[in-house]
């Protein structure tokens, strides 16, 4: 006999949750075990947040990301320096005087 697949069980649980979502919220609050489910949901949210924060920190501290950021900063600095040099080299534009009578 084949072993049960976790993906099939996950879909079944998702279907139950989806069907339960159709029940009005005030009726769900009175179901037995809601305090336990609320506590477990809080733990799941905290674990998920911790996992996402870990992935973000790992991504941002990767050497590849650091090199990419350095390249972007260097490119922007070169562009800004070129614009400043062009502004310094260009003769000042003549100013128009508005003589009102």
N, C-alpha and C. Protein backbone atom coordinates (compact mmCIF):
# COMPACT_ATOMS: atom_id res chain seq x y z
N UNK A 1 0.84 -1.17 0.00
CA UNK A 1 0.00 0.00 0.00
C UNK A 1 0.89 1.24 0.00
N UNK A 2 0.50 2.23 -0.76
CA UNK A 2 1.29 3.45 -0.86
C UNK A 2 1.19 4.26 0.41
N UNK A 3 2.28 4.97 0.70
CA UNK A 3 2.28 5.88 1.85
C UNK A 3 1.46 7.11 1.49
N UNK A 4 0.80 7.70 2.48
CA UNK A 4 0.03 8.91 2.19
C UNK A 4 0.97 10.07 1.82
N UNK A 5 0.52 10.87 0.89
CA UNK A 5 1.31 12.01 0.44
C UNK A 5 0.96 13.23 1.29
N UNK A 6 1.99 13.92 1.74
CA UNK A 6 1.80 15.12 2.54
C UNK A 6 1.06 16.20 1.74
N UNK A 7 1.34 16.28 0.44
CA UNK A 7 0.69 17.30 -0.37
C UNK A 7 -0.82 17.06 -0.44
N UNK A 8 -1.25 15.80 -0.51
CA UNK A 8 -2.68 15.49 -0.54
C UNK A 8 -3.33 15.87 0.79
N UNK A 9 -2.64 15.58 1.89
CA UNK A 9 -3.18 15.93 3.20
C UNK A 9 -3.26 17.44 3.36
N UNK A 10 -2.27 18.15 2.85
CA UNK A 10 -2.28 19.61 2.93
C UNK A 10 -3.46 20.18 2.15
N UNK A 11 -3.71 19.65 0.98
CA UNK A 11 -4.86 20.11 0.19
C UNK A 11 -6.17 19.83 0.91
N UNK A 12 -6.27 18.68 1.57
CA UNK A 12 -7.49 18.36 2.30
C UNK A 12 -7.70 19.34 3.45
N UNK A 13 -6.63 19.65 4.18
CA UNK A 13 -6.75 20.61 5.28
C UNK A 13 -7.13 21.98 4.73
N UNK A 14 -6.51 22.38 3.62
CA UNK A 14 -6.85 23.68 3.02
C UNK A 14 -8.31 23.72 2.59
N UNK A 15 -8.82 22.61 2.08
CA UNK A 15 -10.22 22.55 1.69
C UNK A 15 -11.13 22.69 2.90
N UNK A 16 -10.79 22.04 4.00
CA UNK A 16 -11.58 22.16 5.22
C UNK A 16 -11.57 23.60 5.72
N UNK A 17 -10.41 24.23 5.69
CA UNK A 17 -10.30 25.63 6.13
C UNK A 17 -11.14 26.52 5.22
N UNK A 18 -11.05 26.28 3.91
CA UNK A 18 -11.83 27.08 2.96
C UNK A 18 -13.33 26.92 3.21
N UNK A 19 -13.77 25.69 3.42
CA UNK A 19 -15.19 25.46 3.68
C UNK A 19 -15.60 26.08 5.02
N UNK A 20 -14.71 26.02 6.01
CA UNK A 20 -15.03 26.62 7.30
C UNK A 20 -15.09 28.13 7.22
N UNK A 21 -14.38 28.71 6.27
CA UNK A 21 -14.39 30.17 6.12
C UNK A 21 -15.76 30.67 5.69
N UNK A 22 -16.56 29.78 5.16
CA UNK A 22 -17.91 30.18 4.76
C UNK A 22 -18.85 30.37 5.95
N UNK A 23 -18.46 29.79 7.09
CA UNK A 23 -19.27 29.94 8.29
C UNK A 23 -19.07 31.36 8.82
N UNK A 24 -20.13 32.04 9.23
CA UNK A 24 -19.95 33.39 9.76
C UNK A 24 -18.98 33.40 10.94
N UNK A 25 -18.23 34.49 11.06
CA UNK A 25 -17.17 34.59 12.06
C UNK A 25 -17.70 34.43 13.49
N UNK A 26 -18.85 34.97 13.78
CA UNK A 26 -19.37 34.87 15.16
C UNK A 26 -19.72 33.43 15.52
N UNK A 27 -20.09 32.62 14.53
CA UNK A 27 -20.38 31.21 14.80
C UNK A 27 -19.08 30.43 15.03
N UNK A 28 -18.02 30.79 14.32
CA UNK A 28 -16.75 30.10 14.46
C UNK A 28 -16.15 30.35 15.84
N UNK A 29 -16.36 31.54 16.39
CA UNK A 29 -15.81 31.87 17.70
C UNK A 29 -16.32 30.92 18.78
N UNK A 30 -17.48 30.38 18.59
CA UNK A 30 -18.09 29.52 19.61
C UNK A 30 -17.75 28.04 19.44
N UNK A 31 -17.03 27.70 18.37
CA UNK A 31 -16.69 26.30 18.16
C UNK A 31 -15.72 25.83 19.24
N UNK A 32 -15.83 24.55 19.62
CA UNK A 32 -14.91 24.03 20.64
C UNK A 32 -13.48 24.00 20.09
N UNK A 33 -12.54 24.34 20.93
CA UNK A 33 -11.15 24.29 20.56
C UNK A 33 -10.61 25.56 19.91
N UNK A 34 -11.40 26.61 19.86
CA UNK A 34 -10.94 27.84 19.21
C UNK A 34 -9.80 28.50 19.98
N UNK A 35 -9.82 28.41 21.31
CA UNK A 35 -8.70 28.98 22.08
C UNK A 35 -7.40 28.28 21.73
N UNK A 36 -7.47 26.96 21.63
CA UNK A 36 -6.28 26.18 21.26
C UNK A 36 -5.82 26.55 19.85
N UNK A 37 -6.76 26.64 18.91
CA UNK A 37 -6.39 26.99 17.54
C UNK A 37 -5.82 28.40 17.46
N UNK A 38 -6.36 29.32 18.24
CA UNK A 38 -5.84 30.68 18.26
C UNK A 38 -4.41 30.69 18.76
N UNK A 39 -4.14 29.94 19.80
CA UNK A 39 -2.78 29.86 20.34
C UNK A 39 -1.83 29.25 19.31
N UNK A 40 -2.25 28.18 18.69
CA UNK A 40 -1.41 27.53 17.68
C UNK A 40 -1.18 28.45 16.49
N UNK A 41 -2.20 29.19 16.08
CA UNK A 41 -2.06 30.13 14.98
C UNK A 41 -1.06 31.23 15.30
N UNK A 42 -1.06 31.68 16.56
CA UNK A 42 -0.09 32.69 16.98
C UNK A 42 1.32 32.13 16.88
N UNK A 43 1.52 30.89 17.31
CA UNK A 43 2.84 30.27 17.22
C UNK A 43 3.28 30.10 15.77
N UNK A 44 2.34 29.69 14.91
CA UNK A 44 2.67 29.52 13.50
C UNK A 44 3.08 30.86 12.89
N UNK A 45 2.34 31.93 13.21
CA UNK A 45 2.67 33.25 12.67
C UNK A 45 4.06 33.69 13.14
N UNK A 46 4.38 33.44 14.43
CA UNK A 46 5.70 33.83 14.94
C UNK A 46 6.81 33.03 14.27
N UNK A 47 6.60 31.71 14.07
CA UNK A 47 7.61 30.89 13.39
C UNK A 47 7.79 31.33 11.95
N UNK A 48 6.69 31.62 11.28
CA UNK A 48 6.77 32.07 9.90
C UNK A 48 7.50 33.40 9.79
N UNK A 49 7.18 34.32 10.68
CA UNK A 49 7.87 35.62 10.68
C UNK A 49 9.37 35.43 10.93
N UNK A 50 9.73 34.56 11.87
CA UNK A 50 11.13 34.31 12.16
C UNK A 50 11.83 33.70 10.95
N UNK A 51 11.17 32.78 10.28
CA UNK A 51 11.75 32.14 9.10
C UNK A 51 11.96 33.15 7.97
N UNK A 52 10.95 34.01 7.74
CA UNK A 52 11.07 35.03 6.69
C UNK A 52 12.18 36.02 7.03
N UNK A 53 12.26 36.43 8.30
CA UNK A 53 13.34 37.35 8.70
C UNK A 53 14.70 36.70 8.48
N UNK A 54 14.83 35.41 8.78
CA UNK A 54 16.09 34.71 8.56
C UNK A 54 16.47 34.67 7.09
N UNK A 55 15.49 34.41 6.23
CA UNK A 55 15.77 34.38 4.79
C UNK A 55 16.19 35.76 4.30
N UNK A 56 15.52 36.80 4.79
CA UNK A 56 15.87 38.17 4.38
C UNK A 56 17.28 38.51 4.83
N UNK A 57 17.61 38.19 6.08
CA UNK A 57 18.96 38.48 6.58
C UNK A 57 20.00 37.71 5.78
N UNK A 58 19.74 36.43 5.51
CA UNK A 58 20.69 35.64 4.72
C UNK A 58 20.87 36.23 3.33
N UNK A 59 19.78 36.69 2.74
CA UNK A 59 19.85 37.27 1.40
C UNK A 59 20.63 38.57 1.41
N UNK A 60 20.33 39.44 2.36
CA UNK A 60 20.99 40.74 2.39
C UNK A 60 22.46 40.66 2.78
N UNK A 61 22.84 39.62 3.51
CA UNK A 61 24.24 39.50 3.93
C UNK A 61 25.06 38.64 2.98
N UNK A 62 24.45 38.15 1.92
CA UNK A 62 25.19 37.34 0.95
C UNK A 62 26.21 38.19 0.23
N UNK A 63 27.39 37.64 -0.06
CA UNK A 63 28.43 38.43 -0.73
C UNK A 63 27.99 38.91 -2.11
N UNK A 64 27.16 38.14 -2.81
CA UNK A 64 26.70 38.55 -4.13
C UNK A 64 25.89 39.82 -4.06
N UNK A 65 25.04 39.92 -3.04
CA UNK A 65 24.21 41.11 -2.87
C UNK A 65 25.08 42.31 -2.54
N UNK A 66 26.07 42.10 -1.71
CA UNK A 66 26.98 43.18 -1.35
C UNK A 66 27.71 43.70 -2.59
N UNK A 67 28.19 42.79 -3.43
CA UNK A 67 28.88 43.22 -4.65
C UNK A 67 27.93 43.94 -5.59
N UNK A 68 26.70 43.46 -5.71
CA UNK A 68 25.73 44.12 -6.59
C UNK A 68 25.42 45.53 -6.09
N UNK A 69 25.26 45.69 -4.79
CA UNK A 69 25.00 47.02 -4.22
C UNK A 69 26.19 47.93 -4.46
N UNK A 70 27.41 47.40 -4.29
CA UNK A 70 28.61 48.20 -4.54
C UNK A 70 28.67 48.66 -6.00
N UNK A 71 28.30 47.78 -6.94
CA UNK A 71 28.31 48.16 -8.35
C UNK A 71 27.29 49.25 -8.64
N UNK A 72 26.10 49.14 -8.05
CA UNK A 72 25.08 50.16 -8.26
C UNK A 72 25.53 51.50 -7.70
N UNK A 73 26.09 51.49 -6.51
CA UNK A 73 26.56 52.74 -5.90
C UNK A 73 27.68 53.35 -6.74
N UNK A 74 28.60 52.52 -7.23
CA UNK A 74 29.69 53.03 -8.06
C UNK A 74 29.15 53.63 -9.36
N UNK A 75 28.18 52.99 -9.97
CA UNK A 75 27.60 53.50 -11.22
C UNK A 75 26.91 54.83 -10.99
N UNK A 76 26.14 54.93 -9.91
CA UNK A 76 25.45 56.18 -9.60
C UNK A 76 26.46 57.27 -9.30
N UNK A 77 27.51 56.95 -8.57
CA UNK A 77 28.53 57.94 -8.24
C UNK A 77 29.22 58.44 -9.51
N UNK A 78 29.52 57.52 -10.45
CA UNK A 78 30.13 57.94 -11.72
C UNK A 78 29.20 58.86 -12.50
N UNK A 79 27.92 58.53 -12.55
CA UNK A 79 26.96 59.37 -13.27
C UNK A 79 26.86 60.76 -12.65
N UNK A 80 26.80 60.81 -11.34
CA UNK A 80 26.71 62.10 -10.65
C UNK A 80 27.98 62.90 -10.89
N UNK A 81 29.14 62.26 -10.82
CA UNK A 81 30.40 62.96 -11.05
C UNK A 81 30.47 63.48 -12.48
N UNK A 82 30.01 62.69 -13.46
CA UNK A 82 30.01 63.13 -14.85
C UNK A 82 29.08 64.34 -15.03
N UNK A 83 27.93 64.33 -14.40
CA UNK A 83 27.01 65.47 -14.50
C UNK A 83 27.63 66.72 -13.88
N UNK A 84 28.28 66.57 -12.74
CA UNK A 84 28.93 67.72 -12.11
C UNK A 84 30.06 68.27 -12.97
N UNK A 85 30.85 67.38 -13.57
CA UNK A 85 31.93 67.83 -14.46
C UNK A 85 31.36 68.56 -15.66
N UNK A 86 30.27 68.03 -16.23
CA UNK A 86 29.65 68.68 -17.38
C UNK A 86 29.11 70.05 -17.01
N UNK A 87 28.55 70.19 -15.84
CA UNK A 87 28.04 71.48 -15.40
C UNK A 87 29.17 72.48 -15.18
N UNK A 88 30.28 72.01 -14.66
CA UNK A 88 31.41 72.91 -14.42
C UNK A 88 32.07 73.34 -15.72
N UNK A 89 32.12 72.46 -16.70
CA UNK A 89 32.78 72.75 -17.97
C UNK A 89 31.93 73.63 -18.87
N UNK A 90 30.63 73.58 -18.73
CA UNK A 90 29.74 74.36 -19.60
C UNK A 90 29.80 75.83 -19.20
N UNK A 91 29.83 76.72 -20.20
CA UNK A 91 29.83 78.14 -19.85
C UNK A 91 28.48 78.52 -19.24
N UNK A 92 28.45 79.47 -18.37
CA UNK A 92 27.19 79.85 -17.76
C UNK A 92 26.25 80.42 -18.81
N UNK A 93 25.01 80.12 -18.68
CA UNK A 93 23.99 80.60 -19.63
C UNK A 93 23.79 82.09 -19.40
N UNK A 94 23.63 82.83 -20.52
CA UNK A 94 23.40 84.27 -20.35
C UNK A 94 22.06 84.51 -19.65
N UNK A 95 22.08 85.48 -18.79
CA UNK A 95 20.87 85.79 -18.07
C UNK A 95 20.11 86.87 -18.82
N UNK A 96 18.83 86.68 -18.85
CA UNK A 96 17.98 87.69 -19.50
C UNK A 96 17.52 88.67 -18.45
N UNK A 97 17.58 89.92 -18.84
CA UNK A 97 17.10 90.96 -17.94
C UNK A 97 15.73 91.40 -18.39
N UNK A 98 14.84 91.43 -17.49
CA UNK A 98 13.48 91.86 -17.79
C UNK A 98 13.33 93.30 -17.33
N UNK A 99 13.26 94.18 -18.29
CA UNK A 99 13.14 95.59 -17.95
C UNK A 99 11.67 95.97 -18.09
N UNK A 100 11.09 96.27 -16.99
CA UNK A 100 9.68 96.66 -17.04
C UNK A 100 9.58 98.17 -16.97
N UNK A 101 8.72 98.74 -17.74
CA UNK A 101 8.56 100.18 -17.76
C UNK A 101 7.30 100.61 -17.12
